[in-house]
Amino acid sequence: MTIKEVSEKFNISQDTLRFYEKEGLIQNVPRKNGIRNYGQKEINAISFVICMRSAGLSIEVLREYLTLCKQGDSTIEQRKALLIKQREILKSKIDDMQNAYEKLNYKIDVYYSTMIEKERKFLTAD
C-alpha cells in the first residue's frame, strides 16, 4: 500500500505516518522506486501505534516498549509492567472523565428542572 492508501485506511495524515517512521514507531518501511510500500507487517505496527496513542501512550513510552520488544523474550516482564502502568494511568483518566460526565449530567438535570419551573410560572402568570 502507498502512504496515501494507508493514510486513508487509518484516517491519519501522511505527515503523521512519516512522523511515526521518523520516531522509530514504524520500522524500515520498504520502498519501491523511492515510494513507501507498506506491507502487512507495517500495517499491523501502524494499527498498534494508533491504538496505543488513542489510549494515551506517549511517543516516548511507545518507543521504550518497542525497544524492549526488539530485545526479545527477556524483556517480557518489563513490557508487561510498562503496559500495566499505562493501564493505571488510563483508568485514572477514565475515572476523571466519568466523574466529569456525571457532574455534567447533574447540571443538565438541574438546568432542565429549573427551566420547567420557570416556564410553568411564566405560562400560569396572570
Protein backbone atom coordinates (compact mmCIF):
# COMPACT_ATOMS: atom_id res chain seq x y z
CA MET A 1 0.00 0.00 0.00
CA THR A 2 1.16 3.52 -0.66
CA ILE A 3 1.38 6.16 2.04
CA LYS A 4 -1.77 7.75 0.60
CA GLU A 5 -3.70 4.47 0.84
CA VAL A 6 -2.51 3.83 4.40
CA SER A 7 -3.35 7.40 5.36
CA GLU A 8 -6.89 6.96 4.06
CA LYS A 9 -7.28 3.49 5.60
CA PHE A 10 -6.46 4.77 9.10
CA ASN A 11 -7.80 8.30 8.64
CA ILE A 12 -4.49 9.86 9.65
CA SER A 13 -2.30 12.26 7.75
CA GLN A 14 0.66 11.24 5.65
CA ASP A 15 2.74 13.55 7.84
CA THR A 16 1.70 11.50 10.89
CA LEU A 17 2.87 8.32 9.17
CA ARG A 18 6.19 9.93 8.30
CA PHE A 19 6.50 11.16 11.90
CA TYR A 20 5.86 7.67 13.29
CA GLU A 21 8.52 6.33 10.98
CA LYS A 22 10.99 9.07 11.95
CA GLU A 23 10.35 8.34 15.63
CA GLY A 24 11.02 4.63 15.11
CA LEU A 25 7.46 3.51 15.80
CA ILE A 26 7.21 2.04 12.31
CA GLN A 27 10.38 0.23 11.30
CA ASN A 28 12.06 0.20 7.91
CA VAL A 29 9.15 0.78 5.56
CA PRO A 30 10.28 -0.79 2.28
CA ARG A 31 10.44 1.49 -0.72
CA LYS A 32 9.84 0.74 -4.36
CA ASN A 33 11.37 3.35 -6.65
CA GLY A 34 11.65 5.64 -3.61
CA ILE A 35 7.96 5.32 -2.73
CA ARG A 36 6.94 3.76 0.59
CA ASN A 37 5.34 0.37 0.12
CA TYR A 38 3.55 -0.66 3.31
CA GLY A 39 3.04 -4.37 3.80
CA GLN A 40 1.05 -6.28 6.41
CA LYS A 41 3.85 -6.00 8.97
CA GLU A 42 3.83 -2.19 8.73
CA ILE A 43 0.00 -2.08 8.71
CA ASN A 44 -0.03 -4.12 11.93
CA ALA A 45 2.53 -1.77 13.50
CA ILE A 46 0.52 1.31 12.49
CA SER A 47 -2.67 -0.22 13.87
CA PHE A 48 -0.91 -0.94 17.17
CA VAL A 49 0.58 2.57 17.40
CA ILE A 50 -2.77 4.22 16.66
CA CYS A 51 -4.50 2.09 19.29
CA MET A 52 -1.87 2.83 21.93
CA ARG A 53 -1.83 6.55 21.10
CA SER A 54 -5.61 6.67 21.47
CA ALA A 55 -5.15 5.05 24.88
CA GLY A 56 -2.89 7.96 25.82
CA LEU A 57 0.56 6.40 25.50
CA SER A 58 3.22 8.94 24.65
CA ILE A 59 5.68 8.59 21.80
CA GLU A 60 8.41 8.07 24.39
CA VAL A 61 6.56 5.21 26.11
CA LEU A 62 5.81 3.57 22.76
CA ARG A 63 9.44 3.91 21.71
CA GLU A 64 10.52 2.33 25.00
CA TYR A 65 8.04 -0.51 24.57
CA LEU A 66 9.17 -1.22 21.01
CA THR A 67 12.82 -1.10 22.06
CA LEU A 68 12.05 -3.72 24.69
CA CYS A 69 10.24 -5.84 22.11
CA LYS A 70 13.31 -5.86 19.89
CA GLN A 71 15.36 -7.19 22.80
CA GLY A 72 13.32 -10.37 22.85
CA ASP A 73 11.66 -12.53 25.46
CA SER A 74 13.98 -11.45 28.25
CA THR A 75 12.02 -8.17 28.43
CA ILE A 76 8.53 -9.66 28.68
CA GLU A 77 8.13 -8.73 32.35
CA GLN A 78 9.37 -5.18 31.70
CA ARG A 79 6.90 -4.78 28.84
CA LYS A 80 4.08 -6.13 30.96
CA ALA A 81 4.96 -3.72 33.78
CA LEU A 82 5.07 -0.82 31.34
CA LEU A 83 1.64 -1.72 29.96
CA ILE A 84 0.18 -2.18 33.44
CA LYS A 85 1.42 1.27 34.44
CA GLN A 86 -0.11 2.78 31.31
CA ARG A 87 -3.39 0.97 32.02
CA GLU A 88 -3.46 2.51 35.51
CA ILE A 89 -2.90 5.97 34.03
CA LEU A 90 -5.67 5.39 31.50
CA LYS A 91 -8.04 4.09 34.19
CA SER A 92 -7.44 7.23 36.24
CA LYS A 93 -8.27 9.38 33.21
CA ILE A 94 -11.41 7.34 32.56
CA ASP A 95 -12.47 7.78 36.20
CA ASP A 96 -11.88 11.54 35.96
CA MET A 97 -13.91 11.71 32.77
CA GLN A 98 -16.70 9.60 34.30
CA ASN A 99 -16.82 11.98 37.24
CA ALA A 100 -16.99 14.99 34.91
CA TYR A 101 -19.69 13.24 32.88
CA GLU A 102 -21.80 12.65 35.98
CA LYS A 103 -21.41 16.27 37.10
CA LEU A 104 -22.38 17.47 33.65
CA ASN A 105 -25.48 15.28 33.68
CA TYR A 106 -26.39 16.63 37.12
CA LYS A 107 -26.04 20.22 35.92
CA ILE A 108 -28.18 19.46 32.86
CA ASP A 109 -30.86 17.86 35.05
CA VAL A 110 -30.85 20.84 37.42
CA TYR A 111 -31.00 23.23 34.49
CA TYR A 112 -33.87 21.31 32.94
CA SER A 113 -35.83 21.26 36.23
CA THR A 114 -35.21 24.95 36.78
CA MET A 115 -36.31 25.85 33.25
CA ILE A 116 -39.51 23.77 33.57
CA GLU A 117 -40.35 25.57 36.82
CA LYS A 118 -39.72 29.00 35.26
CA GLU A 119 -41.82 28.10 32.22
CA ARG A 120 -44.69 26.96 34.45
CA LYS A 121 -44.57 30.22 36.36
CA PHE A 122 -44.44 32.19 33.13
CA LEU A 123 -47.29 30.29 31.50
CA THR A 124 -49.56 30.37 34.56
CA ALA A 125 -48.88 34.00 35.49
CA ASP A 126 -51.98 36.17 35.31
